[in-house]
């Protein structure tokens, strides 16, 4: 499962790079391969809906369909993020020991070994350092909202569309405010079960996210605002689903998470183990020239002098 997810993530990232590096106008790859199909789909949905607000409703319907298809992936990501947070709570006493070792290191080598022990602590105990973030969901969404933005900006029949009097091809502060409120609600749900010590750091990032998304909406277009509104509603839905599952997830981590290697074990390992190198490796001090002692001279000259003495005896 992990290998398949990794493969899909790599493929979507490569696809994003291919689309984004092919130009961003009407002659670019993004417009040709993503915006044009989106514009066609929106036009067909608008014909089915009818009315002056048809394009706006088409954006809402298309976004809802896409988000519902991706909802299982998003919920799974949220579950992994929650489990990772719970595991981090279990691992915190060990992390504090490693952090104390890093601060108390007297040499650069000791500090580097302690830092390596910190990374090993995550790896050995199966805890993600990224907090369960799914790059796949980000890679999937990037061409969707980029293609939608370009379709509304340039496609005939879409660039002049309005939704209840709000132009969809221009920024709208009202939609930006709605986006902020929705994503702020999602941030609040995410903070409910977060420990107090994590709220100081992770909490700030969670509150930055609504500001950033609302800012993107404010400088882009009303169409992208509708996309973020529908997307935000599904994000709140998935956060609420995980909120209801939290007790079960907590119980699962309590039962199944076992500390395989603690900070004491990792910090007590030799430097060669911390760096993953061979103990028989050549050390820098072995390469330095050293003073030759009398014993060394006698050892070096011993075989040669013995040969000379033997030749004299033969004569």
C-alpha atoms as a PDB file:
ATOM      1  CA  UNK A   1       0.000   0.000   0.000  1.00  0.00           C
ATOM      2  CA  UNK A   2       2.790   2.414   0.938  1.00  0.00           C
ATOM      3  CA  UNK A   3       4.755   1.627  -2.219  1.00  0.00           C
ATOM      4  CA  UNK A   4       1.649   2.212  -4.381  1.00  0.00           C
ATOM      5  CA  UNK A   5       0.965   5.540  -2.659  1.00  0.00           C
ATOM      6  CA  UNK A   6       4.605   6.557  -3.097  1.00  0.00           C
ATOM      7  CA  UNK A   7       4.431   5.664  -6.799  1.00  0.00           C
ATOM      8  CA  UNK A   8       1.219   7.658  -7.334  1.00  0.00           C
ATOM      9  CA  UNK A   9       2.706  10.630  -5.471  1.00  0.00           C
ATOM     10  CA  UNK A  10       5.826  10.623  -7.657  1.00  0.00           C
ATOM     11  CA  UNK A  11       3.718  10.332 -10.829  1.00  0.00           C
ATOM     12  CA  UNK A  12       1.424  13.228  -9.846  1.00  0.00           C
ATOM     13  CA  UNK A  13       4.374  15.423  -8.827  1.00  0.00           C
ATOM     14  CA  UNK A  14       6.029  14.743 -12.189  1.00  0.00           C
ATOM     15  CA  UNK A  15       2.720  15.523 -13.917  1.00  0.00           C
ATOM     16  CA  UNK A  16       2.446  18.807 -12.001  1.00  0.00           C
ATOM     17  CA  UNK A  17       5.992  19.747 -12.979  1.00  0.00           C
ATOM     18  CA  UNK A  18       5.253  18.913 -16.616  1.00  0.00           C
ATOM     19  CA  UNK A  19       2.086  21.030 -16.627  1.00  0.00           C
ATOM     20  CA  UNK A  20       3.489  23.975 -14.684  1.00  0.00           C
ATOM     21  CA  UNK A  21       6.662  24.234 -16.775  1.00  0.00           C
ATOM     22  CA  UNK A  22       4.732  24.309 -20.055  1.00  0.00           C
ATOM     23  CA  UNK A  23       3.578  27.911 -19.734  1.00  0.00           C
ATOM     24  CA  UNK A  24       0.673  29.376 -17.828  1.00  0.00           C
ATOM     25  CA  UNK A  25      -1.276  31.202 -20.513  1.00  0.00           C
ATOM     26  CA  UNK A  26      -3.817  30.075 -23.097  1.00  0.00           C
ATOM     27  CA  UNK A  27      -1.020  28.423 -25.078  1.00  0.00           C
ATOM     28  CA  UNK A  28       0.428  26.553 -22.109  1.00  0.00           C
ATOM     29  CA  UNK A  29       0.097  22.888 -21.232  1.00  0.00           C
ATOM     30  CA  UNK A  30      -2.053  23.621 -18.174  1.00  0.00           C
ATOM     31  CA  UNK A  31      -4.659  25.411 -20.266  1.00  0.00           C
ATOM     32  CA  UNK A  32      -4.594  22.823 -23.082  1.00  0.00           C
ATOM     33  CA  UNK A  33      -4.730  19.668 -21.003  1.00  0.00           C
ATOM     34  CA  UNK A  34      -6.599  20.783 -17.856  1.00  0.00           C
ATOM     35  CA  UNK A  35      -8.430  24.100 -18.341  1.00  0.00           C
ATOM     36  CA  UNK A  36     -10.008  23.209 -21.685  1.00  0.00           C
ATOM     37  CA  UNK A  37     -11.641  19.978 -20.397  1.00  0.00           C
ATOM     38  CA  UNK A  38     -12.761  21.789 -17.219  1.00  0.00           C
ATOM     39  CA  UNK A  39     -14.305  24.609 -19.283  1.00  0.00           C
ATOM     40  CA  UNK A  40     -16.148  22.056 -21.434  1.00  0.00           C
ATOM     41  CA  UNK A  41     -17.492  20.205 -18.381  1.00  0.00           C
ATOM     42  CA  UNK A  42     -18.586  23.454 -16.695  1.00  0.00           C
ATOM     43  CA  UNK A  43     -20.373  24.569 -19.858  1.00  0.00           C
ATOM     44  CA  UNK A  44     -22.265  21.273 -20.101  1.00  0.00           C
ATOM     45  CA  UNK A  45     -23.280  21.378 -16.420  1.00  0.00           C
ATOM     46  CA  UNK A  46     -24.348  25.026 -16.806  1.00  0.00           C
ATOM     47  CA  UNK A  47     -26.596  24.092 -19.744  1.00  0.00           C
ATOM     48  CA  UNK A  48     -28.206  21.420 -17.586  1.00  0.00           C
ATOM     49  CA  UNK A  49     -28.667  23.806 -14.601  1.00  0.00           C
ATOM     50  CA  UNK A  50     -29.754  26.862 -16.596  1.00  0.00           C
ATOM     51  CA  UNK A  51     -30.203  30.463 -15.404  1.00  0.00           C
ATOM     52  CA  UNK A  52     -27.894  33.452 -14.963  1.00  0.00           C
ATOM     53  CA  UNK A  53     -26.031  31.769 -12.086  1.00  0.00           C
ATOM     54  CA  UNK A  54     -25.503  28.518 -13.985  1.00  0.00           C
ATOM     55  CA  UNK A  55     -21.700  28.761 -14.226  1.00  0.00           C
ATOM     56  CA  UNK A  56     -21.390  29.391 -10.489  1.00  0.00           C
ATOM     57  CA  UNK A  57     -23.578  26.383  -9.710  1.00  0.00           C
ATOM     58  CA  UNK A  58     -21.567  24.344 -12.223  1.00  0.00           C
ATOM     59  CA  UNK A  59     -18.349  25.198 -10.353  1.00  0.00           C
ATOM     60  CA  UNK A  60     -19.964  24.182  -7.059  1.00  0.00           C
ATOM     61  CA  UNK A  61     -21.294  20.895  -8.487  1.00  0.00           C
ATOM     62  CA  UNK A  62     -18.015  19.966 -10.205  1.00  0.00           C
ATOM     63  CA  UNK A  63     -15.975  20.816  -7.098  1.00  0.00           C
ATOM     64  CA  UNK A  64     -18.343  18.821  -4.874  1.00  0.00           C
ATOM     65  CA  UNK A  65     -18.037  15.777  -7.156  1.00  0.00           C
ATOM     66  CA  UNK A  66     -14.239  15.983  -7.181  1.00  0.00           C
ATOM     67  CA  UNK A  67     -13.995  16.483  -3.418  1.00  0.00           C
ATOM     68  CA  UNK A  68     -16.410  13.632  -2.658  1.00  0.00           C
ATOM     69  CA  UNK A  69     -14.340  11.317  -4.874  1.00  0.00           C
ATOM     70  CA  UNK A  70     -11.198  12.391  -3.004  1.00  0.00           C
ATOM     71  CA  UNK A  71     -12.878  12.430   0.437  1.00  0.00           C
ATOM     72  CA  UNK A  72     -11.669   8.901   1.420  1.00  0.00           C
ATOM     73  CA  UNK A  73      -8.070   9.958   0.640  1.00  0.00           C
ATOM     74  CA  UNK A  74      -8.457  13.174   2.651  1.00  0.00           C
ATOM     75  CA  UNK A  75     -10.058  11.379   5.618  1.00  0.00           C
ATOM     76  CA  UNK A  76      -7.272   8.781   5.561  1.00  0.00           C
ATOM     77  CA  UNK A  77      -4.707  11.599   5.575  1.00  0.00           C
ATOM     78  CA  UNK A  78      -6.449  13.220   8.548  1.00  0.00           C
ATOM     79  CA  UNK A  79      -6.494   9.884  10.381  1.00  0.00           C
ATOM     80  CA  UNK A  80      -2.760   9.393   9.740  1.00  0.00           C
ATOM     81  CA  UNK A  81      -2.047  12.932  10.929  1.00  0.00           C
ATOM     82  CA  UNK A  82      -4.045  12.327  14.127  1.00  0.00           C
ATOM     83  CA  UNK A  83      -2.307   8.999  14.776  1.00  0.00           C
ATOM     84  CA  UNK A  84       1.062  10.623  14.180  1.00  0.00           C
ATOM     85  CA  UNK A  85       0.200  13.336  16.716  1.00  0.00           C
ATOM     86  CA  UNK A  86      -0.827  10.706  19.289  1.00  0.00           C
ATOM     87  CA  UNK A  87       2.410   8.773  18.724  1.00  0.00           C
ATOM     88  CA  UNK A  88       4.376  11.986  19.120  1.00  0.00           C
ATOM     89  CA  UNK A  89       2.768  12.448  22.536  1.00  0.00           C
ATOM     90  CA  UNK A  90       3.960   8.971  23.515  1.00  0.00           C
ATOM     91  CA  UNK A  91       7.425   9.712  22.176  1.00  0.00           C
ATOM     92  CA  UNK A  92       7.738  13.150  23.799  1.00  0.00           C
ATOM     93  CA  UNK A  93       9.624  12.045  26.981  1.00  0.00           C
ATOM     94  CA  UNK A  94      12.241  10.324  24.791  1.00  0.00           C
ATOM     95  CA  UNK A  95      12.492  13.353  22.507  1.00  0.00           C
ATOM     96  CA  UNK A  96      13.106  15.583  25.524  1.00  0.00           C
ATOM     97  CA  UNK A  97      16.032  13.346  26.536  1.00  0.00           C
ATOM     98  CA  UNK A  98      17.564  13.623  23.068  1.00  0.00           C
ATOM     99  CA  UNK A  99      17.025  17.400  23.012  1.00  0.00           C
ATOM    100  CA  UNK A 100      18.763  17.645  26.391  1.00  0.00           C
ATOM    101  CA  UNK A 101      21.669  15.611  24.981  1.00  0.00           C
ATOM    102  CA  UNK A 102      21.927  17.962  21.989  1.00  0.00           C
ATOM    103  CA  UNK A 103      22.016  21.009  24.286  1.00  0.00           C
ATOM    104  CA  UNK A 104      24.530  19.362  26.605  1.00  0.00           C
ATOM    105  CA  UNK A 105      26.899  18.235  23.825  1.00  0.00           C
ATOM    106  CA  UNK A 106      30.422  19.575  24.343  1.00  0.00           C
ATOM    107  CA  UNK A 107      31.848  18.857  20.899  1.00  0.00           C
ATOM    108  CA  UNK A 108      30.432  19.124  17.351  1.00  0.00           C
ATOM    109  CA  UNK A 109      30.752  15.334  17.037  1.00  0.00           C
ATOM    110  CA  UNK A 110      28.635  14.770  20.150  1.00  0.00           C
ATOM    111  CA  UNK A 111      26.057  17.282  18.952  1.00  0.00           C
ATOM    112  CA  UNK A 112      25.855  15.640  15.529  1.00  0.00           C
ATOM    113  CA  UNK A 113      25.554  12.161  17.058  1.00  0.00           C
ATOM    114  CA  UNK A 114      22.727  13.371  19.325  1.00  0.00           C
ATOM    115  CA  UNK A 115      20.957  14.935  16.332  1.00  0.00           C
ATOM    116  CA  UNK A 116      21.264  11.656  14.439  1.00  0.00           C
ATOM    117  CA  UNK A 117      19.804   9.888  17.462  1.00  0.00           C
ATOM    118  CA  UNK A 118      16.804  12.220  17.258  1.00  0.00           C
ATOM    119  CA  UNK A 119      16.109  11.183  13.649  1.00  0.00           C
ATOM    120  CA  UNK A 120      16.720   7.531  14.516  1.00  0.00           C
ATOM    121  CA  UNK A 121      14.173   7.816  17.327  1.00  0.00           C
ATOM    122  CA  UNK A 122      11.447   8.670  14.790  1.00  0.00           C
ATOM    123  CA  UNK A 123      12.581   6.039  12.304  1.00  0.00           C
ATOM    124  CA  UNK A 124      13.062   3.158  14.763  1.00  0.00           C
ATOM    125  CA  UNK A 125       9.621   3.712  16.306  1.00  0.00           C
ATOM    126  CA  UNK A 126       7.736   4.223  13.039  1.00  0.00           C
ATOM    127  CA  UNK A 127       6.725   7.844  13.659  1.00  0.00           C
ATOM    128  CA  UNK A 128       6.527  10.211  10.692  1.00  0.00           C
ATOM    129  CA  UNK A 129       8.627  13.358  11.052  1.00  0.00           C
ATOM    130  CA  UNK A 130       6.240  15.184   8.682  1.00  0.00           C
ATOM    131  CA  UNK A 131       3.240  14.525  10.916  1.00  0.00           C
ATOM    132  CA  UNK A 132       1.369  12.353   8.394  1.00  0.00           C
ATOM    133  CA  UNK A 133       1.188  15.038   5.711  1.00  0.00           C
ATOM    134  CA  UNK A 134       0.049  13.602   2.377  1.00  0.00           C
ATOM    135  CA  UNK A 135       1.913  15.059  -0.595  1.00  0.00           C
ATOM    136  CA  UNK A 136      -0.402  13.068  -2.869  1.00  0.00           C
ATOM    137  CA  UNK A 137      -3.465  15.156  -1.975  1.00  0.00           C
ATOM    138  CA  UNK A 138      -1.511  18.361  -2.628  1.00  0.00           C
ATOM    139  CA  UNK A 139      -0.224  17.066  -5.966  1.00  0.00           C
ATOM    140  CA  UNK A 140      -3.762  16.070  -7.049  1.00  0.00           C
ATOM    141  CA  UNK A 141      -5.305  19.436  -6.177  1.00  0.00           C
ATOM    142  CA  UNK A 142      -2.692  21.693  -7.767  1.00  0.00           C
ATOM    143  CA  UNK A 143      -3.690  21.155 -11.440  1.00  0.00           C
ATOM    144  CA  UNK A 144      -7.402  21.220 -10.538  1.00  0.00           C
ATOM    145  CA  UNK A 145      -7.580  24.718  -9.065  1.00  0.00           C
ATOM    146  CA  UNK A 146      -4.903  26.017 -11.452  1.00  0.00           C
ATOM    147  CA  UNK A 147      -6.914  24.713 -14.397  1.00  0.00           C
ATOM    148  CA  UNK A 148     -10.157  26.118 -12.987  1.00  0.00           C
ATOM    149  CA  UNK A 149      -8.577  29.553 -12.475  1.00  0.00           C
ATOM    150  CA  UNK A 150      -7.317  29.666 -16.078  1.00  0.00           C
ATOM    151  CA  UNK A 151     -10.625  28.374 -17.467  1.00  0.00           C
ATOM    152  CA  UNK A 152     -12.600  31.147 -15.762  1.00  0.00           C
ATOM    153  CA  UNK A 153     -10.052  33.779 -16.775  1.00  0.00           C
ATOM    154  CA  UNK A 154      -9.818  32.909 -20.466  1.00  0.00           C
ATOM    155  CA  UNK A 155     -12.492  30.462 -21.690  1.00  0.00           C
ATOM    156  CA  UNK A 156     -15.305  31.928 -23.801  1.00  0.00           C
ATOM    157  CA  UNK A 157     -18.604  31.940 -21.941  1.00  0.00           C
ATOM    158  CA  UNK A 158     -16.903  31.669 -18.544  1.00  0.00           C
ATOM    159  CA  UNK A 159     -14.843  34.834 -18.147  1.00  0.00           C
ATOM    160  CA  UNK A 160     -17.970  37.017 -18.068  1.00  0.00           C
ATOM    161  CA  UNK A 161     -19.940  34.721 -15.734  1.00  0.00           C
ATOM    162  CA  UNK A 162     -21.425  35.951 -12.463  1.00  0.00           C
ATOM    163  CA  UNK A 163     -22.877  34.286  -9.375  1.00  0.00           C
ATOM    164  CA  UNK A 164     -25.649  36.237  -7.673  1.00  0.00           C
ATOM    165  CA  UNK A 165     -24.145  39.417  -9.074  1.00  0.00           C
ATOM    166  CA  UNK A 166     -20.557  38.603  -8.074  1.00  0.00           C
ATOM    167  CA  UNK A 167     -18.148  38.422 -11.045  1.00  0.00           C
ATOM    168  CA  UNK A 168     -16.366  35.049 -11.079  1.00  0.00           C
ATOM    169  CA  UNK A 169     -13.316  36.244 -13.012  1.00  0.00           C
ATOM    170  CA  UNK A 170     -12.416  38.951 -10.470  1.00  0.00           C
ATOM    171  CA  UNK A 171     -11.451  38.900  -6.788  1.00  0.00           C
ATOM    172  CA  UNK A 172     -14.363  39.138  -4.329  1.00  0.00           C
ATOM    173  CA  UNK A 173     -13.822  40.109  -0.709  1.00  0.00           C
ATOM    174  CA  UNK A 174     -17.155  38.584   0.392  1.00  0.00           C
ATOM    175  CA  UNK A 175     -16.147  35.139  -0.863  1.00  0.00           C
ATOM    176  CA  UNK A 176     -12.736  35.579   0.779  1.00  0.00           C
ATOM    177  CA  UNK A 177     -14.401  36.208   4.144  1.00  0.00           C
ATOM    178  CA  UNK A 178     -16.593  33.116   3.760  1.00  0.00           C
ATOM    179  CA  UNK A 179     -13.480  31.066   2.901  1.00  0.00           C
ATOM    180  CA  UNK A 180     -11.719  32.349   6.031  1.00  0.00           C
ATOM    181  CA  UNK A 181     -14.663  31.479   8.309  1.00  0.00           C
ATOM    182  CA  UNK A 182     -14.951  27.934   6.911  1.00  0.00           C
ATOM    183  CA  UNK A 183     -11.245  27.117   7.190  1.00  0.00           C
ATOM    184  CA  UNK A 184     -11.077  28.748  10.632  1.00  0.00           C
ATOM    185  CA  UNK A 185     -13.812  26.309  11.732  1.00  0.00           C
ATOM    186  CA  UNK A 186     -11.659  23.454  10.426  1.00  0.00           C
ATOM    187  CA  UNK A 187      -8.646  24.795  12.365  1.00  0.00           C
ATOM    188  CA  UNK A 188     -10.751  24.972  15.541  1.00  0.00           C
ATOM    189  CA  UNK A 189     -11.855  21.332  15.158  1.00  0.00           C
ATOM    190  CA  UNK A 190      -8.230  20.277  14.666  1.00  0.00           C
ATOM    191  CA  UNK A 191      -7.170  22.071  17.860  1.00  0.00           C
ATOM    192  CA  UNK A 192      -9.785  20.475  20.125  1.00  0.00           C
ATOM    193  CA  UNK A 193      -7.768  17.321  20.843  1.00  0.00           C
ATOM    194  CA  UNK A 194      -4.313  18.833  20.507  1.00  0.00           C
ATOM    195  CA  UNK A 195      -2.184  18.873  23.691  1.00  0.00           C
ATOM    196  CA  UNK A 196      -1.467  22.273  25.214  1.00  0.00           C
ATOM    197  CA  UNK A 197       2.271  22.096  24.444  1.00  0.00           C
ATOM    198  CA  UNK A 198       1.586  21.428  20.750  1.00  0.00           C
ATOM    199  CA  UNK A 199      -0.984  24.209  20.424  1.00  0.00           C
ATOM    200  CA  UNK A 200       1.755  26.821  20.828  1.00  0.00           C
ATOM    201  CA  UNK A 201       3.556  25.711  17.667  1.00  0.00           C
ATOM    202  CA  UNK A 202       1.192  23.652  15.516  1.00  0.00           C
ATOM    203  CA  UNK A 203      -1.740  25.864  16.513  1.00  0.00           C
ATOM    204  CA  UNK A 204      -0.094  28.899  14.932  1.00  0.00           C
ATOM    205  CA  UNK A 205       0.337  27.032  11.651  1.00  0.00           C
ATOM    206  CA  UNK A 206      -3.308  25.931  11.706  1.00  0.00           C
ATOM    207  CA  UNK A 207      -4.474  29.529  12.066  1.00  0.00           C
ATOM    208  CA  UNK A 208      -2.105  30.729   9.346  1.00  0.00           C
ATOM    209  CA  UNK A 209      -3.734  28.352   6.847  1.00  0.00           C
ATOM    210  CA  UNK A 210      -7.173  30.103   6.785  1.00  0.00           C
ATOM    211  CA  UNK A 211      -5.443  33.466   6.346  1.00  0.00           C
ATOM    212  CA  UNK A 212      -3.349  32.175   3.436  1.00  0.00           C
ATOM    213  CA  UNK A 213      -6.281  30.517   1.624  1.00  0.00           C
ATOM    214  CA  UNK A 214      -8.465  33.596   2.082  1.00  0.00           C
ATOM    215  CA  UNK A 215      -5.566  35.716   0.792  1.00  0.00           C
ATOM    216  CA  UNK A 216      -5.225  33.553  -2.319  1.00  0.00           C
ATOM    217  CA  UNK A 217      -8.957  33.931  -2.923  1.00  0.00           C
ATOM    218  CA  UNK A 218      -8.746  37.701  -2.486  1.00  0.00           C
ATOM    219  CA  UNK A 219      -6.067  38.132  -5.171  1.00  0.00           C
ATOM    220  CA  UNK A 220      -7.349  35.535  -7.653  1.00  0.00           C
ATOM    221  CA  UNK A 221     -11.013  35.215  -8.626  1.00  0.00           C
ATOM    222  CA  UNK A 222     -14.516  34.574  -7.382  1.00  0.00           C
ATOM    223  CA  UNK A 223     -14.503  31.198  -9.182  1.00  0.00           C
ATOM    224  CA  UNK A 224     -11.557  30.045  -7.111  1.00  0.00           C
ATOM    225  CA  UNK A 225     -13.399  31.372  -4.066  1.00  0.00           C
ATOM    226  CA  UNK A 226     -16.334  29.049  -4.828  1.00  0.00           C
ATOM    227  CA  UNK A 227     -13.878  26.170  -5.251  1.00  0.00           C
ATOM    228  CA  UNK A 228     -12.308  26.885  -1.843  1.00  0.00           C
ATOM    229  CA  UNK A 229     -15.719  27.291  -0.189  1.00  0.00           C
ATOM    230  CA  UNK A 230     -16.921  23.869  -1.338  1.00  0.00           C
ATOM    231  CA  UNK A 231     -13.502  22.394  -0.578  1.00  0.00           C
ATOM    232  CA  UNK A 232     -13.572  24.008   2.860  1.00  0.00           C
ATOM    233  CA  UNK A 233     -16.964  22.480   3.642  1.00  0.00           C
ATOM    234  CA  UNK A 234     -15.599  19.008   2.834  1.00  0.00           C
ATOM    235  CA  UNK A 235     -12.496  19.750   4.944  1.00  0.00           C
ATOM    236  CA  UNK A 236     -14.745  20.638   7.901  1.00  0.00           C
ATOM    237  CA  UNK A 237     -16.716  17.434   7.232  1.00  0.00           C
ATOM    238  CA  UNK A 238     -13.590  15.276   7.287  1.00  0.00           C
ATOM    239  CA  UNK A 239     -12.316  17.053  10.431  1.00  0.00           C
ATOM    240  CA  UNK A 240     -15.675  16.329  12.100  1.00  0.00           C
ATOM    241  CA  UNK A 241     -15.489  12.656  11.044  1.00  0.00           C
ATOM    242  CA  UNK A 242     -12.023  12.352  12.617  1.00  0.00           C
ATOM    243  CA  UNK A 243     -13.319  14.201  15.709  1.00  0.00           C
ATOM    244  CA  UNK A 244     -15.961  11.486  16.139  1.00  0.00           C
ATOM    245  CA  UNK A 245     -13.316   8.784  15.621  1.00  0.00           C
ATOM    246  CA  UNK A 246     -10.769  10.338  17.985  1.00  0.00           C
ATOM    247  CA  UNK A 247     -11.484   8.097  20.998  1.00  0.00           C
ATOM    248  CA  UNK A 248     -11.123   4.988  18.825  1.00  0.00           C
ATOM    249  CA  UNK A 249      -7.857   6.254  17.293  1.00  0.00           C
ATOM    250  CA  UNK A 250      -6.482   7.096  20.734  1.00  0.00           C
ATOM    251  CA  UNK A 251      -7.346   3.618  22.014  1.00  0.00           C
ATOM    252  CA  UNK A 252      -5.731   2.050  18.925  1.00  0.00           C
ATOM    253  CA  UNK A 253      -2.456   3.931  19.494  1.00  0.00           C
ATOM    254  CA  UNK A 254      -2.488   3.069  23.220  1.00  0.00           C
ATOM    255  CA  UNK A 255      -2.796  -0.637  22.404  1.00  0.00           C
ATOM    256  CA  UNK A 256      -0.482  -0.936  19.413  1.00  0.00           C
ATOM    257  CA  UNK A 257       2.246   1.665  19.819  1.00  0.00           C
ATOM    258  CA  UNK A 258       5.273   0.093  21.520  1.00  0.00           C
ATOM    259  CA  UNK A 259       8.543   1.916  22.078  1.00  0.00           C
ATOM    260  CA  UNK A 260      11.091  -0.185  20.182  1.00  0.00           C
ATOM    261  CA  UNK A 261      14.164   1.912  20.882  1.00  0.00           C
ATOM    262  CA  UNK A 262      14.374   4.673  23.439  1.00  0.00           C
ATOM    263  CA  UNK A 263      16.633   7.694  23.712  1.00  0.00           C
ATOM    264  CA  UNK A 264      18.981   5.943  26.159  1.00  0.00           C
ATOM    265  CA  UNK A 265      19.557   3.071  23.711  1.00  0.00           C
ATOM    266  CA  UNK A 266      20.227   5.370  20.755  1.00  0.00           C
ATOM    267  CA  UNK A 267      22.441   7.790  22.679  1.00  0.00           C
ATOM    268  CA  UNK A 268      24.531   4.929  24.084  1.00  0.00           C
ATOM    269  CA  UNK A 269      25.365   3.632  20.608  1.00  0.00           C
ATOM    270  CA  UNK A 270      28.900   4.318  19.323  1.00  0.00           C
ATOM    271  CA  UNK A 271      29.385   7.193  16.913  1.00  0.00           C
ATOM    272  CA  UNK A 272      29.951   4.757  14.042  1.00  0.00           C
ATOM    273  CA  UNK A 273      26.473   3.290  14.609  1.00  0.00           C
ATOM    274  CA  UNK A 274      24.889   6.738  14.853  1.00  0.00           C
ATOM    275  CA  UNK A 275      26.344   7.744  11.498  1.00  0.00           C
ATOM    276  CA  UNK A 276      25.672   4.363   9.919  1.00  0.00           C
ATOM    277  CA  UNK A 277      29.336   3.782   9.047  1.00  0.00           C
ATOM    278  CA  UNK A 278      31.707   0.858   9.398  1.00  0.00           C
ATOM    279  CA  UNK A 279      33.791   0.707  12.556  1.00  0.00           C
ATOM    280  CA  UNK A 280      36.805  -0.252  10.437  1.00  0.00           C
ATOM    281  CA  UNK A 281      36.601   2.921   8.384  1.00  0.00           C
ATOM    282  CA  UNK A 282      39.765   5.019   7.976  1.00  0.00           C
ATOM    283  CA  UNK A 283      39.793   7.813  10.509  1.00  0.00           C
ATOM    284  CA  UNK A 284      41.167  11.305   9.763  1.00  0.00           C
ATOM    285  CA  UNK A 285      43.812  10.909  12.470  1.00  0.00           C
ATOM    286  CA  UNK A 286      45.106   7.780  10.728  1.00  0.00           C
ATOM    287  CA  UNK A 287      45.970   9.890   7.697  1.00  0.00           C
ATOM    288  CA  UNK A 288      48.045  12.458   9.604  1.00  0.00           C
ATOM    289  CA  UNK A 289      51.857  12.084   9.546  1.00  0.00           C
ATOM    290  CA  UNK A 290      53.125  11.022  12.982  1.00  0.00           C
ATOM    291  CA  UNK A 291      56.479  11.325  14.654  1.00  0.00           C
ATOM    292  CA  UNK A 292      58.755   8.381  14.039  1.00  0.00           C
ATOM    293  CA  UNK A 293      60.109   6.939  17.311  1.00  0.00           C
ATOM    294  CA  UNK A 294      63.287   4.985  17.848  1.00  0.00           C
ATOM    295  CA  UNK A 295      61.270   1.796  18.156  1.00  0.00           C
ATOM    296  CA  UNK A 296      59.659   2.542  14.815  1.00  0.00           C
ATOM    297  CA  UNK A 297      63.100   3.128  13.280  1.00  0.00           C
ATOM    298  CA  UNK A 298      64.380  -0.162  14.621  1.00  0.00           C
ATOM    299  CA  UNK A 299      61.299  -1.970  13.331  1.00  0.00           C
ATOM    300  CA  UNK A 300      61.622  -0.349   9.917  1.00  0.00           C
ATOM    301  CA  UNK A 301      65.355  -0.979   9.639  1.00  0.00           C
ATOM    302  CA  UNK A 302      65.262  -4.409  11.283  1.00  0.00           C
ATOM    303  CA  UNK A 303      64.644  -6.542   8.178  1.00  0.00           C
ATOM    304  CA  UNK A 304      67.039  -4.465   6.063  1.00  0.00           C
ATOM    305  CA  UNK A 305      69.907  -4.685   8.655  1.00  0.00           C
ATOM    306  CA  UNK A 306      69.259  -8.393   9.085  1.00  0.00           C
ATOM    307  CA  UNK A 307      69.779  -8.843   5.317  1.00  0.00           C
ATOM    308  CA  UNK A 308      73.059  -6.948   5.379  1.00  0.00           C
ATOM    309  CA  UNK A 309      74.362  -9.053   8.316  1.00  0.00           C
ATOM    310  CA  UNK A 310      73.475 -12.269   6.496  1.00  0.00           C
ATOM    311  CA  UNK A 311      75.458 -11.214   3.376  1.00  0.00           C
ATOM    312  CA  UNK A 312      78.511 -10.410   5.524  1.00  0.00           C
ATOM    313  CA  UNK A 313      78.382 -13.847   7.137  1.00  0.00           C
ATOM    314  CA  UNK A 314      78.191 -15.525   3.744  1.00  0.00           C
ATOM    315  CA  UNK A 315      81.357 -13.705   2.675  1.00  0.00           C
END
